[in-house]
Amino acid sequence: MAEPLKFTDANTIIKGAFQPMLCAMTAQDPATFNVEVYAPNGTALLQRRIARVDLLDNSLLEAFICDSRARIERATHERLDWQVRYTRAIS
């Protein structure tokens, strides 16, 4: 089981269209994070890895998720107006 990455706030919410989605990050191994985005019904929309770097911050995570927008839209069969909002920094 992957070790959860600690957020100062428990939830990171991605606002897409009318439904917020949960973004979860786990530490897959010493070199990578596993980023997962879930729809409100619990369906996994995105599962990708991102390299672990000391400078990983919210803006870099936002860029990574926005880069994955096409994958999410294909999975949901919708074109969404994405706005990624983080309530707290990653600790």
PDB file of N, CA and C in Angstrom:
ATOM      1  N   MET A   1       0.839  -1.176   0.000  1.00  0.00           N
ATOM      2  CA  MET A   1       0.000   0.000   0.000  1.00  0.00           C
ATOM      3  C   MET A   1       0.887   1.242   0.000  1.00  0.00           C
ATOM      4  N   ALA A   2       0.545   2.211  -0.842  1.00  0.00           N
ATOM      5  CA  ALA A   2       1.334   3.441  -0.939  1.00  0.00           C
ATOM      6  C   ALA A   2       1.102   4.326   0.273  1.00  0.00           C
ATOM      7  N   GLU A   3       2.154   4.974   0.682  1.00  0.00           N
ATOM      8  CA  GLU A   3       2.071   5.886   1.828  1.00  0.00           C
ATOM      9  C   GLU A   3       1.429   7.199   1.383  1.00  0.00           C
ATOM     10  N   PRO A   4       0.368   7.673   2.055  1.00  0.00           N
ATOM     11  CA  PRO A   4      -0.275   8.924   1.635  1.00  0.00           C
ATOM     12  C   PRO A   4       0.656  10.115   1.825  1.00  0.00           C
ATOM     13  N   LEU A   5       0.640  10.995   0.843  1.00  0.00           N
ATOM     14  CA  LEU A   5       1.394  12.237   0.975  1.00  0.00           C
ATOM     15  C   LEU A   5       0.627  13.146   1.914  1.00  0.00           C
ATOM     16  N   LYS A   6       1.318  13.790   2.832  1.00  0.00           N
ATOM     17  CA  LYS A   6       0.626  14.596   3.837  1.00  0.00           C
ATOM     18  C   LYS A   6       0.311  15.986   3.291  1.00  0.00           C
ATOM     19  N   PHE A   7      -0.954  16.330   3.346  1.00  0.00           N
ATOM     20  CA  PHE A   7      -1.394  17.683   3.030  1.00  0.00           C
ATOM     21  C   PHE A   7      -1.727  18.365   4.350  1.00  0.00           C
ATOM     22  N   THR A   8      -1.513  19.671   4.407  1.00  0.00           N
ATOM     23  CA  THR A   8      -1.933  20.376   5.618  1.00  0.00           C
ATOM     24  C   THR A   8      -3.445  20.334   5.717  1.00  0.00           C
ATOM     25  N   ASP A   9      -4.099  20.350   4.576  1.00  0.00           N
ATOM     26  CA  ASP A   9      -5.548  20.194   4.534  1.00  0.00           C
ATOM     27  C   ASP A   9      -5.816  18.834   3.889  1.00  0.00           C
ATOM     28  N   ALA A  10      -6.799  18.127   4.359  1.00  0.00           N
ATOM     29  CA  ALA A  10      -7.012  16.747   3.905  1.00  0.00           C
ATOM     30  C   ALA A  10      -7.386  16.654   2.433  1.00  0.00           C
ATOM     31  N   ASN A  11      -8.148  17.606   1.916  1.00  0.00           N
ATOM     32  CA  ASN A  11      -8.661  17.478   0.558  1.00  0.00           C
ATOM     33  C   ASN A  11      -8.092  18.531  -0.369  1.00  0.00           C
ATOM     34  N   THR A  12      -7.764  18.094  -1.553  1.00  0.00           N
ATOM     35  CA  THR A  12      -7.400  18.994  -2.634  1.00  0.00           C
ATOM     36  C   THR A  12      -8.515  18.865  -3.660  1.00  0.00           C
ATOM     37  N   ILE A  13      -9.163  19.964  -3.955  1.00  0.00           N
ATOM     38  CA  ILE A  13     -10.347  19.905  -4.807  1.00  0.00           C
ATOM     39  C   ILE A  13     -10.038  20.503  -6.175  1.00  0.00           C
ATOM     40  N   ILE A  14     -10.438  19.795  -7.205  1.00  0.00           N
ATOM     41  CA  ILE A  14     -10.367  20.317  -8.563  1.00  0.00           C
ATOM     42  C   ILE A  14     -11.784  20.682  -8.961  1.00  0.00           C
ATOM     43  N   LYS A  15     -11.994  21.947  -9.307  1.00  0.00           N
ATOM     44  CA  LYS A  15     -13.315  22.382  -9.738  1.00  0.00           C
ATOM     45  C   LYS A  15     -13.424  22.168 -11.243  1.00  0.00           C
ATOM     46  N   GLY A  16     -14.252  21.237 -11.660  1.00  0.00           N
ATOM     47  CA  GLY A  16     -14.461  20.980 -13.072  1.00  0.00           C
ATOM     48  C   GLY A  16     -15.946  21.018 -13.347  1.00  0.00           C
ATOM     49  N   ALA A  17     -16.366  21.880 -14.265  1.00  0.00           N
ATOM     50  CA  ALA A  17     -17.780  22.051 -14.574  1.00  0.00           C
ATOM     51  C   ALA A  17     -18.549  22.309 -13.284  1.00  0.00           C
ATOM     52  N   PHE A  18     -19.550  21.491 -12.973  1.00  0.00           N
ATOM     53  CA  PHE A  18     -20.360  21.734 -11.784  1.00  0.00           C
ATOM     54  C   PHE A  18     -19.999  20.819 -10.626  1.00  0.00           C
ATOM     55  N   GLN A  19     -19.127  19.850 -10.860  1.00  0.00           N
ATOM     56  CA  GLN A  19     -18.854  18.874  -9.815  1.00  0.00           C
ATOM     57  C   GLN A  19     -17.390  18.926  -9.397  1.00  0.00           C
ATOM     58  N   PRO A  20     -17.124  19.117  -8.107  1.00  0.00           N
ATOM     59  CA  PRO A  20     -15.733  19.076  -7.660  1.00  0.00           C
ATOM     60  C   PRO A  20     -15.199  17.650  -7.713  1.00  0.00           C
ATOM     61  N   MET A  21     -13.915  17.524  -7.949  1.00  0.00           N
ATOM     62  CA  MET A  21     -13.278  16.219  -7.996  1.00  0.00           C
ATOM     63  C   MET A  21     -12.143  16.190  -6.989  1.00  0.00           C
ATOM     64  N   LEU A  22     -11.879  15.037  -6.433  1.00  0.00           N
ATOM     65  CA  LEU A  22     -10.831  14.896  -5.436  1.00  0.00           C
ATOM     66  C   LEU A  22      -9.523  14.502  -6.109  1.00  0.00           C
ATOM     67  N   CYS A  23      -8.455  15.192  -5.746  1.00  0.00           N
ATOM     68  CA  CYS A  23      -7.125  14.841  -6.225  1.00  0.00           C
ATOM     69  C   CYS A  23      -6.344  14.266  -5.054  1.00  0.00           C
ATOM     70  N   ALA A  24      -5.855  13.043  -5.199  1.00  0.00           N
ATOM     71  CA  ALA A  24      -5.081  12.398  -4.138  1.00  0.00           C
ATOM     72  C   ALA A  24      -3.678  12.106  -4.643  1.00  0.00           C
ATOM     73  N   MET A  25      -2.690  12.372  -3.802  1.00  0.00           N
ATOM     74  CA  MET A  25      -1.310  12.044  -4.142  1.00  0.00           C
ATOM     75  C   MET A  25      -0.778  11.063  -3.116  1.00  0.00           C
ATOM     76  N   THR A  26      -0.103  10.039  -3.597  1.00  0.00           N
ATOM     77  CA  THR A  26       0.550   9.094  -2.698  1.00  0.00           C
ATOM     78  C   THR A  26       2.008   8.959  -3.117  1.00  0.00           C
ATOM     79  N   ALA A  27       2.843   8.597  -2.173  1.00  0.00           N
ATOM     80  CA  ALA A  27       4.256   8.383  -2.458  1.00  0.00           C
ATOM     81  C   ALA A  27       4.419   6.946  -2.937  1.00  0.00           C
ATOM     82  N   GLN A  28       4.574   6.779  -4.236  1.00  0.00           N
ATOM     83  CA  GLN A  28       4.676   5.441  -4.822  1.00  0.00           C
ATOM     84  C   GLN A  28       6.006   4.790  -4.450  1.00  0.00           C
ATOM     85  N   ASP A  29       7.077   5.527  -4.581  1.00  0.00           N
ATOM     86  CA  ASP A  29       8.414   5.045  -4.248  1.00  0.00           C
ATOM     87  C   ASP A  29       9.285   6.279  -4.033  1.00  0.00           C
ATOM     88  N   PRO A  30      10.563   6.124  -3.719  1.00  0.00           N
ATOM     89  CA  PRO A  30      11.393   7.307  -3.454  1.00  0.00           C
ATOM     90  C   PRO A  30      11.533   8.262  -4.643  1.00  0.00           C
ATOM     91  N   ALA A  31      11.220   7.810  -5.856  1.00  0.00           N
ATOM     92  CA  ALA A  31      11.421   8.657  -7.028  1.00  0.00           C
ATOM     93  C   ALA A  31      10.146   9.257  -7.603  1.00  0.00           C
ATOM     94  N   THR A  32       8.969   8.740  -7.232  1.00  0.00           N
ATOM     95  CA  THR A  32       7.740   9.205  -7.878  1.00  0.00           C
ATOM     96  C   THR A  32       6.578   9.376  -6.907  1.00  0.00           C
ATOM     97  N   PHE A  33       5.655  10.262  -7.304  1.00  0.00           N
ATOM     98  CA  PHE A  33       4.352  10.378  -6.663  1.00  0.00           C
ATOM     99  C   PHE A  33       3.327   9.771  -7.606  1.00  0.00           C
ATOM    100  N   ASN A  34       2.285   9.212  -7.069  1.00  0.00           N
ATOM    101  CA  ASN A  34       1.160   8.730  -7.844  1.00  0.00           C
ATOM    102  C   ASN A  34       0.044   9.760  -7.685  1.00  0.00           C
ATOM    103  N   VAL A  35      -0.427  10.347  -8.781  1.00  0.00           N
ATOM    104  CA  VAL A  35      -1.485  11.356  -8.746  1.00  0.00           C
ATOM    105  C   VAL A  35      -2.761  10.716  -9.270  1.00  0.00           C
ATOM    106  N   GLU A  36      -3.826  10.808  -8.487  1.00  0.00           N
ATOM    107  CA  GLU A  36      -5.106  10.239  -8.888  1.00  0.00           C
ATOM    108  C   GLU A  36      -6.193  11.301  -8.753  1.00  0.00           C
ATOM    109  N   VAL A  37      -7.083  11.348  -9.745  1.00  0.00           N
ATOM    110  CA  VAL A  37      -8.212  12.270  -9.722  1.00  0.00           C
ATOM    111  C   VAL A  37      -9.483  11.434  -9.777  1.00  0.00           C
ATOM    112  N   TYR A  38     -10.396  11.722  -8.857  1.00  0.00           N
ATOM    113  CA  TYR A  38     -11.636  10.953  -8.741  1.00  0.00           C
ATOM    114  C   TYR A  38     -12.849  11.846  -8.961  1.00  0.00           C
ATOM    115  N   ALA A  39     -13.854  11.303  -9.642  1.00  0.00           N
ATOM    116  CA  ALA A  39     -15.141  11.973  -9.767  1.00  0.00           C
ATOM    117  C   ALA A  39     -15.871  11.852  -8.435  1.00  0.00           C
ATOM    118  N   PRO A  40     -16.923  12.667  -8.228  1.00  0.00           N
ATOM    119  CA  PRO A  40     -17.674  12.596  -6.970  1.00  0.00           C
ATOM    120  C   PRO A  40     -18.244  11.205  -6.669  1.00  0.00           C
ATOM    121  N   ASN A  41     -18.516  10.406  -7.707  1.00  0.00           N
ATOM    122  CA  ASN A  41     -19.055   9.060  -7.471  1.00  0.00           C
ATOM    123  C   ASN A  41     -17.966   8.041  -7.153  1.00  0.00           C
ATOM    124  N   GLY A  42     -16.703   8.493  -7.088  1.00  0.00           N
ATOM    125  CA  GLY A  42     -15.606   7.601  -6.740  1.00  0.00           C
ATOM    126  C   GLY A  42     -14.878   6.996  -7.924  1.00  0.00           C
ATOM    127  N   THR A  43     -15.360   7.265  -9.138  1.00  0.00           N
ATOM    128  CA  THR A  43     -14.703   6.743 -10.326  1.00  0.00           C
ATOM    129  C   THR A  43     -13.349   7.410 -10.522  1.00  0.00           C
ATOM    130  N   ALA A  44     -12.312   6.616 -10.729  1.00  0.00           N
ATOM    131  CA  ALA A  44     -10.979   7.168 -10.985  1.00  0.00           C
ATOM    132  C   ALA A  44     -10.932   7.684 -12.419  1.00  0.00           C
ATOM    133  N   LEU A  45     -10.638   8.972 -12.581  1.00  0.00           N
ATOM    134  CA  LEU A  45     -10.578   9.574 -13.904  1.00  0.00           C
ATOM    135  C   LEU A  45      -9.154   9.660 -14.422  1.00  0.00           C
ATOM    136  N   LEU A  46      -8.203   9.704 -13.523  1.00  0.00           N
ATOM    137  CA  LEU A  46      -6.810   9.879 -13.926  1.00  0.00           C
ATOM    138  C   LEU A  46      -5.921   9.181 -12.917  1.00  0.00           C
ATOM    139  N   GLN A  47      -4.962   8.434 -13.414  1.00  0.00           N
ATOM    140  CA  GLN A  47      -3.941   7.834 -12.560  1.00  0.00           C
ATOM    141  C   GLN A  47      -2.624   7.962 -13.304  1.00  0.00           C
ATOM    142  N   ARG A  48      -1.762   8.854 -12.814  1.00  0.00           N
ATOM    143  CA  ARG A  48      -0.471   9.079 -13.468  1.00  0.00           C
ATOM    144  C   ARG A  48       0.605   9.262 -12.419  1.00  0.00           C
ATOM    145  N   ARG A  49       1.837   9.047 -12.842  1.00  0.00           N
ATOM    146  CA  ARG A  49       2.977   9.269 -11.956  1.00  0.00           C
ATOM    147  C   ARG A  49       3.651  10.585 -12.294  1.00  0.00           C
ATOM    148  N   ILE A  50       4.226  11.200 -11.290  1.00  0.00           N
ATOM    149  CA  ILE A  50       5.002  12.420 -11.471  1.00  0.00           C
ATOM    150  C   ILE A  50       6.286  12.254 -10.664  1.00  0.00           C
ATOM    151  N   ALA A  51       7.387  12.737 -11.230  1.00  0.00           N
ATOM    152  CA  ALA A  51       8.676  12.601 -10.548  1.00  0.00           C
ATOM    153  C   ALA A  51       8.665  13.381  -9.238  1.00  0.00           C
ATOM    154  N   ARG A  52       9.259  12.796  -8.210  1.00  0.00           N
ATOM    155  CA  ARG A  52       9.385  13.489  -6.922  1.00  0.00           C
ATOM    156  C   ARG A  52      10.569  14.429  -7.016  1.00  0.00           C
ATOM    157  N   VAL A  53      10.302  15.686  -6.792  1.00  0.00           N
ATOM    158  CA  VAL A  53      11.373  16.681  -6.763  1.00  0.00           C
ATOM    159  C   VAL A  53      11.188  17.532  -5.520  1.00  0.00           C
ATOM    160  N   ASP A  54      12.272  18.086  -5.029  1.00  0.00           N
ATOM    161  CA  ASP A  54      12.196  18.917  -3.835  1.00  0.00           C
ATOM    162  C   ASP A  54      11.338  20.154  -4.058  1.00  0.00           C
ATOM    163  N   LEU A  55      11.275  20.626  -5.299  1.00  0.00           N
ATOM    164  CA  LEU A  55      10.560  21.867  -5.584  1.00  0.00           C
ATOM    165  C   LEU A  55       9.116  21.638  -6.005  1.00  0.00           C
ATOM    166  N   LEU A  56       8.589  20.425  -5.806  1.00  0.00           N
ATOM    167  CA  LEU A  56       7.193  20.161  -6.155  1.00  0.00           C
ATOM    168  C   LEU A  56       6.294  21.028  -5.287  1.00  0.00           C
ATOM    169  N   ASP A  57       5.537  21.895  -5.921  1.00  0.00           N
ATOM    170  CA  ASP A  57       4.622  22.754  -5.183  1.00  0.00           C
ATOM    171  C   ASP A  57       3.274  22.737  -5.890  1.00  0.00           C
ATOM    172  N   ASN A  58       2.357  23.536  -5.393  1.00  0.00           N
ATOM    173  CA  ASN A  58       1.004  23.512  -5.954  1.00  0.00           C
ATOM    174  C   ASN A  58       0.961  23.932  -7.412  1.00  0.00           C
ATOM    175  N   SER A  59       1.780  24.918  -7.799  1.00  0.00           N
ATOM    176  CA  SER A  59       1.729  25.368  -9.185  1.00  0.00           C
ATOM    177  C   SER A  59       2.248  24.291 -10.132  1.00  0.00           C
ATOM    178  N   LEU A  60       3.268  23.550  -9.718  1.00  0.00           N
ATOM    179  CA  LEU A  60       3.769  22.460 -10.547  1.00  0.00           C
ATOM    180  C   LEU A  60       2.747  21.334 -10.632  1.00  0.00           C
ATOM    181  N   LEU A  61       2.098  21.031  -9.517  1.00  0.00           N
ATOM    182  CA  LEU A  61       1.058  20.001  -9.524  1.00  0.00           C
ATOM    183  C   LEU A  61      -0.115  20.435 -10.395  1.00  0.00           C
ATOM    184  N   GLU A  62      -0.474  21.707 -10.321  1.00  0.00           N
ATOM    185  CA  GLU A  62      -1.558  22.228 -11.163  1.00  0.00           C
ATOM    186  C   GLU A  62      -1.210  22.080 -12.636  1.00  0.00           C
ATOM    187  N   ALA A  63       0.022  22.420 -13.002  1.00  0.00           N
ATOM    188  CA  ALA A  63       0.445  22.295 -14.397  1.00  0.00           C
ATOM    189  C   ALA A  63       0.389  20.841 -14.856  1.00  0.00           C
ATOM    190  N   PHE A  64       0.788  19.926 -13.984  1.00  0.00           N
ATOM    191  CA  PHE A  64       0.760  18.501 -14.310  1.00  0.00           C
ATOM    192  C   PHE A  64      -0.669  18.027 -14.552  1.00  0.00           C
ATOM    193  N   ILE A  65      -1.589  18.442 -13.688  1.00  0.00           N
ATOM    194  CA  ILE A  65      -2.983  18.005 -13.834  1.00  0.00           C
ATOM    195  C   ILE A  65      -3.627  18.652 -15.057  1.00  0.00           C
ATOM    196  N   CYS A  66      -3.320  19.925 -15.301  1.00  0.00           N
ATOM    197  CA  CYS A  66      -3.869  20.582 -16.487  1.00  0.00           C
ATOM    198  C   CYS A  66      -3.339  19.922 -17.760  1.00  0.00           C
ATOM    199  N   ASP A  67      -2.088  19.452 -17.708  1.00  0.00           N
ATOM    200  CA  ASP A  67      -1.517  18.729 -18.835  1.00  0.00           C
ATOM    201  C   ASP A  67      -2.280  17.425 -19.078  1.00  0.00           C
ATOM    202  N   SER A  68      -2.908  16.910 -18.050  1.00  0.00           N
ATOM    203  CA  SER A  68      -3.672  15.665 -18.144  1.00  0.00           C
ATOM    204  C   SER A  68      -5.131  15.909 -18.512  1.00  0.00           C
ATOM    205  N   ARG A  69      -5.473  17.152 -18.803  1.00  0.00           N
ATOM    206  CA  ARG A  69      -6.868  17.516 -19.055  1.00  0.00           C
ATOM    207  C   ARG A  69      -7.506  16.668 -20.158  1.00  0.00           C
ATOM    208  N   ALA A  70      -6.792  16.458 -21.240  1.00  0.00           N
ATOM    209  CA  ALA A  70      -7.356  15.692 -22.352  1.00  0.00           C
ATOM    210  C   ALA A  70      -7.711  14.273 -21.924  1.00  0.00           C
ATOM    211  N   ARG A  71      -6.876  13.665 -21.083  1.00  0.00           N
ATOM    212  CA  ARG A  71      -7.171  12.312 -20.599  1.00  0.00           C
ATOM    213  C   ARG A  71      -8.443  12.307 -19.754  1.00  0.00           C
ATOM    214  N   ILE A  72      -8.584  13.320 -18.906  1.00  0.00           N
ATOM    215  CA  ILE A  72      -9.765  13.402 -18.047  1.00  0.00           C
ATOM    216  C   ILE A  72     -11.013  13.625 -18.894  1.00  0.00           C
ATOM    217  N   GLU A  73     -10.921  14.521 -19.889  1.00  0.00           N
ATOM    218  CA  GLU A  73     -12.078  14.790 -20.739  1.00  0.00           C
ATOM    219  C   GLU A  73     -12.482  13.555 -21.531  1.00  0.00           C
ATOM    220  N   ARG A  74     -11.508  12.799 -22.011  1.00  0.00           N
ATOM    221  CA  ARG A  74     -11.848  11.559 -22.732  1.00  0.00           C
ATOM    222  C   ARG A  74     -12.549  10.572 -21.803  1.00  0.00           C
ATOM    223  N   ALA A  75     -12.097  10.514 -20.556  1.00  0.00           N
ATOM    224  CA  ALA A  75     -12.688   9.571 -19.605  1.00  0.00           C
ATOM    225  C   ALA A  75     -14.112   9.964 -19.226  1.00  0.00           C
ATOM    226  N   THR A  76     -14.393  11.272 -19.174  1.00  0.00           N
ATOM    227  CA  THR A  76     -15.722  11.724 -18.767  1.00  0.00           C
ATOM    228  C   THR A  76     -16.623  12.026 -19.959  1.00  0.00           C
ATOM    229  N   HIS A  77     -16.056  11.991 -21.168  1.00  0.00           N
ATOM    230  CA  HIS A  77     -16.804  12.295 -22.390  1.00  0.00           C
ATOM    231  C   HIS A  77     -17.432  13.687 -22.336  1.00  0.00           C
ATOM    232  N   GLU A  78     -16.746  14.611 -21.687  1.00  0.00           N
ATOM    233  CA  GLU A  78     -17.224  15.995 -21.599  1.00  0.00           C
ATOM    234  C   GLU A  78     -16.047  16.924 -21.834  1.00  0.00           C
ATOM    235  N   ARG A  79     -16.365  18.134 -22.261  1.00  0.00           N
ATOM    236  CA  ARG A  79     -15.356  19.194 -22.266  1.00  0.00           C
ATOM    237  C   ARG A  79     -15.650  20.053 -21.053  1.00  0.00           C
ATOM    238  N   LEU A  80     -14.699  20.113 -20.165  1.00  0.00           N
ATOM    239  CA  LEU A  80     -14.915  20.798 -18.900  1.00  0.00           C
ATOM    240  C   LEU A  80     -14.142  22.106 -18.849  1.00  0.00           C
ATOM    241  N   ASP A  81     -14.696  23.053 -18.143  1.00  0.00           N
ATOM    242  CA  ASP A  81     -13.998  24.306 -17.885  1.00  0.00           C
ATOM    243  C   ASP A  81     -13.222  24.106 -16.593  1.00  0.00           C
ATOM    244  N   TRP A  82     -11.934  23.799 -16.707  1.00  0.00           N
ATOM    245  CA  TRP A  82     -11.156  23.405 -15.537  1.00  0.00           C
ATOM    246  C   TRP A  82     -10.601  24.594 -14.797  1.00  0.00           C
ATOM    247  N   GLN A  83     -10.705  24.519 -13.507  1.00  0.00           N
ATOM    248  CA  GLN A  83     -10.009  25.445 -12.624  1.00  0.00           C
ATOM    249  C   GLN A  83      -9.495  24.603 -11.468  1.00  0.00           C
ATOM    250  N   VAL A  84      -8.197  24.584 -11.283  1.00  0.00           N
ATOM    251  CA  VAL A  84      -7.613  23.779 -10.224  1.00  0.00           C
ATOM    252  C   VAL A  84      -7.364  24.683  -9.034  1.00  0.00           C
ATOM    253  N   ARG A  85      -7.889  24.297  -7.879  1.00  0.00           N
ATOM    254  CA  ARG A  85      -7.746  25.129  -6.681  1.00  0.00           C
ATOM    255  C   ARG A  85      -7.205  24.273  -5.552  1.00  0.00           C
ATOM    256  N   TYR A  86      -6.174  24.747  -4.919  1.00  0.00           N
ATOM    257  CA  TYR A  86      -5.584  24.047  -3.785  1.00  0.00           C
ATOM    258  C   TYR A  86      -5.834  24.866  -2.541  1.00  0.00           C
ATOM    259  N   THR A  87      -6.322  24.224  -1.515  1.00  0.00           N
ATOM    260  CA  THR A  87      -6.651  24.949  -0.296  1.00  0.00           C
ATOM    261  C   THR A  87      -5.439  25.170   0.585  1.00  0.00           C
ATOM    262  N   ARG A  88      -4.465  24.281   0.497  1.00  0.00           N
ATOM    263  CA  ARG A  88      -3.257  24.402   1.315  1.00  0.00           C
ATOM    264  C   ARG A  88      -2.064  23.866   0.535  1.00  0.00           C
ATOM    265  N   ALA A  89      -0.898  24.217   0.981  1.00  0.00           N
ATOM    266  CA  ALA A  89       0.315  23.708   0.354  1.00  0.00           C
ATOM    267  C   ALA A  89       0.564  22.266   0.780  1.00  0.00           C
ATOM    268  N   ILE A  90       1.312  21.562  -0.039  1.00  0.00           N
ATOM    269  CA  ILE A  90       1.725  20.206   0.304  1.00  0.00           C
ATOM    270  C   ILE A  90       2.776  20.305   1.395  1.00  0.00           C
ATOM    271  N   SER A  91       2.651  19.477   2.427  1.00  0.00           N
ATOM    272  CA  SER A  91       3.658  19.529   3.493  1.00  0.00           C
ATOM    273  C   SER A  91       4.634  18.383   3.356  1.00  0.00           C
TER     274      SER A  91
END
